[in-house]
Amino acid sequence: MGDDGWWYCLTHGAVENTRRCRGADRMGPYPDKATAERALEIAREKTRAADEADHKWRDDNDD
């Protein structure tokens, strides 16, 4: 593994362990290759959780 961890490149749809692609095209760093391979799934899970928290906050604050 490179010193910078593992990255998921959005342009190439590939995992890399060096900074080959520009920062705007990468997700990470991740601690290992397997986690980087799940980058899009992890992002969807985090987005879903944030959306649910927003909906709950709105529901709790409706006046």
N, C-alpha and C. Protein backbone atom coordinates (compact mmCIF):
# COMPACT_ATOMS: atom_id res chain seq x y z
N MET A 1 0.84 -1.19 0.00
CA MET A 1 0.00 0.00 0.00
C MET A 1 0.88 1.24 0.00
N GLY A 2 0.47 2.26 -0.72
CA GLY A 2 1.18 3.53 -0.73
C GLY A 2 0.97 4.27 0.58
N ASP A 3 1.76 5.28 0.81
CA ASP A 3 1.68 6.04 2.05
C ASP A 3 0.38 6.84 2.17
N ASP A 4 -0.31 7.05 1.06
CA ASP A 4 -1.49 7.90 1.06
C ASP A 4 -2.79 7.15 1.22
N GLY A 5 -2.77 5.85 1.44
CA GLY A 5 -3.99 5.08 1.57
C GLY A 5 -4.53 4.67 0.21
N TRP A 6 -5.78 4.30 0.20
CA TRP A 6 -6.44 3.82 -1.02
C TRP A 6 -7.50 4.84 -1.45
N TRP A 7 -7.64 5.02 -2.75
CA TRP A 7 -8.55 6.00 -3.34
C TRP A 7 -9.44 5.32 -4.37
N TYR A 8 -10.64 5.87 -4.57
CA TYR A 8 -11.52 5.42 -5.64
C TYR A 8 -11.58 6.55 -6.66
N CYS A 9 -11.20 6.25 -7.89
CA CYS A 9 -11.21 7.26 -8.95
C CYS A 9 -12.56 7.23 -9.66
N LEU A 10 -13.26 8.34 -9.61
CA LEU A 10 -14.56 8.44 -10.26
C LEU A 10 -14.45 8.45 -11.78
N THR A 11 -13.37 8.98 -12.30
CA THR A 11 -13.18 9.03 -13.75
C THR A 11 -13.00 7.64 -14.34
N HIS A 12 -12.18 6.85 -13.69
CA HIS A 12 -11.85 5.53 -14.22
C HIS A 12 -12.65 4.40 -13.58
N GLY A 13 -13.36 4.69 -12.49
CA GLY A 13 -14.11 3.65 -11.79
C GLY A 13 -13.19 2.58 -11.23
N ALA A 14 -12.02 3.00 -10.79
CA ALA A 14 -11.01 2.06 -10.33
C ALA A 14 -10.43 2.50 -9.00
N VAL A 15 -9.90 1.53 -8.28
CA VAL A 15 -9.24 1.78 -7.01
C VAL A 15 -7.75 1.92 -7.27
N GLU A 16 -7.13 2.87 -6.57
CA GLU A 16 -5.69 3.08 -6.72
C GLU A 16 -5.09 3.36 -5.34
N ASN A 17 -3.82 3.07 -5.19
CA ASN A 17 -3.18 3.34 -3.90
C ASN A 17 -2.11 4.41 -4.01
N THR A 18 -2.18 5.18 -5.06
CA THR A 18 -1.35 6.37 -5.22
C THR A 18 -2.24 7.48 -5.77
N ARG A 19 -1.78 8.67 -5.69
CA ARG A 19 -2.56 9.82 -6.18
C ARG A 19 -2.27 10.05 -7.66
N ARG A 20 -2.85 9.24 -8.50
CA ARG A 20 -2.64 9.39 -9.94
C ARG A 20 -3.60 10.40 -10.56
N CYS A 21 -4.84 10.35 -10.13
CA CYS A 21 -5.86 11.23 -10.71
C CYS A 21 -6.00 12.48 -9.85
N ARG A 22 -6.58 13.52 -10.44
CA ARG A 22 -6.73 14.78 -9.71
C ARG A 22 -7.70 14.62 -8.55
N GLY A 23 -7.52 15.43 -7.55
CA GLY A 23 -8.30 15.33 -6.32
C GLY A 23 -9.80 15.39 -6.51
N ALA A 24 -10.28 16.21 -7.43
CA ALA A 24 -11.71 16.34 -7.65
C ALA A 24 -12.33 15.06 -8.20
N ASP A 25 -11.50 14.17 -8.72
CA ASP A 25 -11.99 12.92 -9.31
C ASP A 25 -11.84 11.73 -8.39
N ARG A 26 -11.35 11.96 -7.16
CA ARG A 26 -11.08 10.85 -6.25
C ARG A 26 -11.92 10.92 -5.00
N MET A 27 -12.23 9.75 -4.44
CA MET A 27 -12.87 9.64 -3.14
C MET A 27 -11.88 8.91 -2.23
N GLY A 28 -11.72 9.41 -1.02
CA GLY A 28 -10.82 8.77 -0.09
C GLY A 28 -10.00 9.80 0.65
N PRO A 29 -9.01 9.37 1.35
CA PRO A 29 -8.43 8.03 1.34
C PRO A 29 -9.23 7.06 2.21
N TYR A 30 -9.09 5.80 1.88
CA TYR A 30 -9.68 4.70 2.64
C TYR A 30 -8.54 3.87 3.22
N PRO A 31 -8.82 3.15 4.31
CA PRO A 31 -7.74 2.42 4.98
C PRO A 31 -7.22 1.20 4.22
N ASP A 32 -8.06 0.65 3.33
CA ASP A 32 -7.64 -0.54 2.61
C ASP A 32 -8.36 -0.62 1.27
N LYS A 33 -7.90 -1.51 0.42
CA LYS A 33 -8.46 -1.65 -0.93
C LYS A 33 -9.93 -2.04 -0.90
N ALA A 34 -10.29 -2.97 -0.03
CA ALA A 34 -11.68 -3.44 0.03
C ALA A 34 -12.64 -2.31 0.37
N THR A 35 -12.24 -1.45 1.27
CA THR A 35 -13.10 -0.31 1.64
C THR A 35 -13.19 0.67 0.48
N ALA A 36 -12.07 0.94 -0.19
CA ALA A 36 -12.08 1.83 -1.35
C ALA A 36 -12.98 1.30 -2.45
N GLU A 37 -13.02 -0.02 -2.61
CA GLU A 37 -13.89 -0.62 -3.62
C GLU A 37 -15.36 -0.38 -3.32
N ARG A 38 -15.68 -0.12 -2.06
CA ARG A 38 -17.07 0.16 -1.65
C ARG A 38 -17.36 1.66 -1.58
N ALA A 39 -16.51 2.50 -2.12
CA ALA A 39 -16.62 3.96 -1.97
C ALA A 39 -18.00 4.49 -2.36
N LEU A 40 -18.52 4.07 -3.49
CA LEU A 40 -19.83 4.58 -3.93
C LEU A 40 -20.94 4.09 -3.01
N GLU A 41 -20.87 2.84 -2.58
CA GLU A 41 -21.86 2.31 -1.65
C GLU A 41 -21.81 3.06 -0.32
N ILE A 42 -20.61 3.32 0.17
CA ILE A 42 -20.44 4.07 1.43
C ILE A 42 -21.02 5.47 1.28
N ALA A 43 -20.76 6.12 0.16
CA ALA A 43 -21.30 7.47 -0.08
C ALA A 43 -22.83 7.45 -0.10
N ARG A 44 -23.41 6.43 -0.75
CA ARG A 44 -24.88 6.32 -0.78
C ARG A 44 -25.43 6.12 0.63
N GLU A 45 -24.77 5.28 1.43
CA GLU A 45 -25.22 5.04 2.81
C GLU A 45 -25.16 6.32 3.64
N LYS A 46 -24.08 7.07 3.49
CA LYS A 46 -23.94 8.32 4.25
C LYS A 46 -24.98 9.35 3.81
N THR A 47 -25.25 9.42 2.51
CA THR A 47 -26.26 10.35 2.00
C THR A 47 -27.63 9.97 2.51
N ARG A 48 -27.95 8.69 2.47
CA ARG A 48 -29.24 8.21 2.96
C ARG A 48 -29.41 8.54 4.44
N ALA A 49 -28.38 8.33 5.25
CA ALA A 49 -28.45 8.62 6.68
C ALA A 49 -28.62 10.12 6.92
N ALA A 50 -27.93 10.94 6.16
CA ALA A 50 -28.06 12.40 6.31
C ALA A 50 -29.45 12.86 5.90
N ASP A 51 -29.98 12.29 4.83
CA ASP A 51 -31.34 12.64 4.39
C ASP A 51 -32.37 12.26 5.45
N GLU A 52 -32.21 11.07 6.05
CA GLU A 52 -33.13 10.65 7.11
C GLU A 52 -33.04 11.57 8.32
N ALA A 53 -31.83 11.99 8.68
CA ALA A 53 -31.67 12.91 9.80
C ALA A 53 -32.32 14.25 9.49
N ASP A 54 -32.18 14.73 8.25
CA ASP A 54 -32.83 15.99 7.85
C ASP A 54 -34.35 15.88 7.95
N HIS A 55 -34.90 14.77 7.46
CA HIS A 55 -36.36 14.58 7.51
C HIS A 55 -36.84 14.53 8.95
N LYS A 56 -36.10 13.83 9.79
CA LYS A 56 -36.48 13.74 11.21
C LYS A 56 -36.42 15.12 11.85
N TRP A 57 -35.36 15.87 11.56
CA TRP A 57 -35.24 17.21 12.14
C TRP A 57 -36.40 18.08 11.69
N ARG A 58 -36.76 18.02 10.39
CA ARG A 58 -37.88 18.82 9.89
C ARG A 58 -39.18 18.41 10.56
N ASP A 59 -39.41 17.10 10.69
CA ASP A 59 -40.62 16.62 11.33
C ASP A 59 -40.70 17.06 12.78
N ASP A 60 -39.58 17.03 13.49
CA ASP A 60 -39.55 17.43 14.90
C ASP A 60 -39.68 18.94 15.07
N ASN A 61 -39.42 19.71 14.03
CA ASN A 61 -39.45 21.18 14.14
C ASN A 61 -40.57 21.83 13.37
N ASP A 62 -41.52 21.04 12.89
CA ASP A 62 -42.68 21.64 12.21
C ASP A 62 -43.54 22.35 13.24
N ASP A 63 -43.86 23.59 12.93
CA ASP A 63 -44.69 24.37 13.85
C ASP A 63 -46.00 24.69 13.22
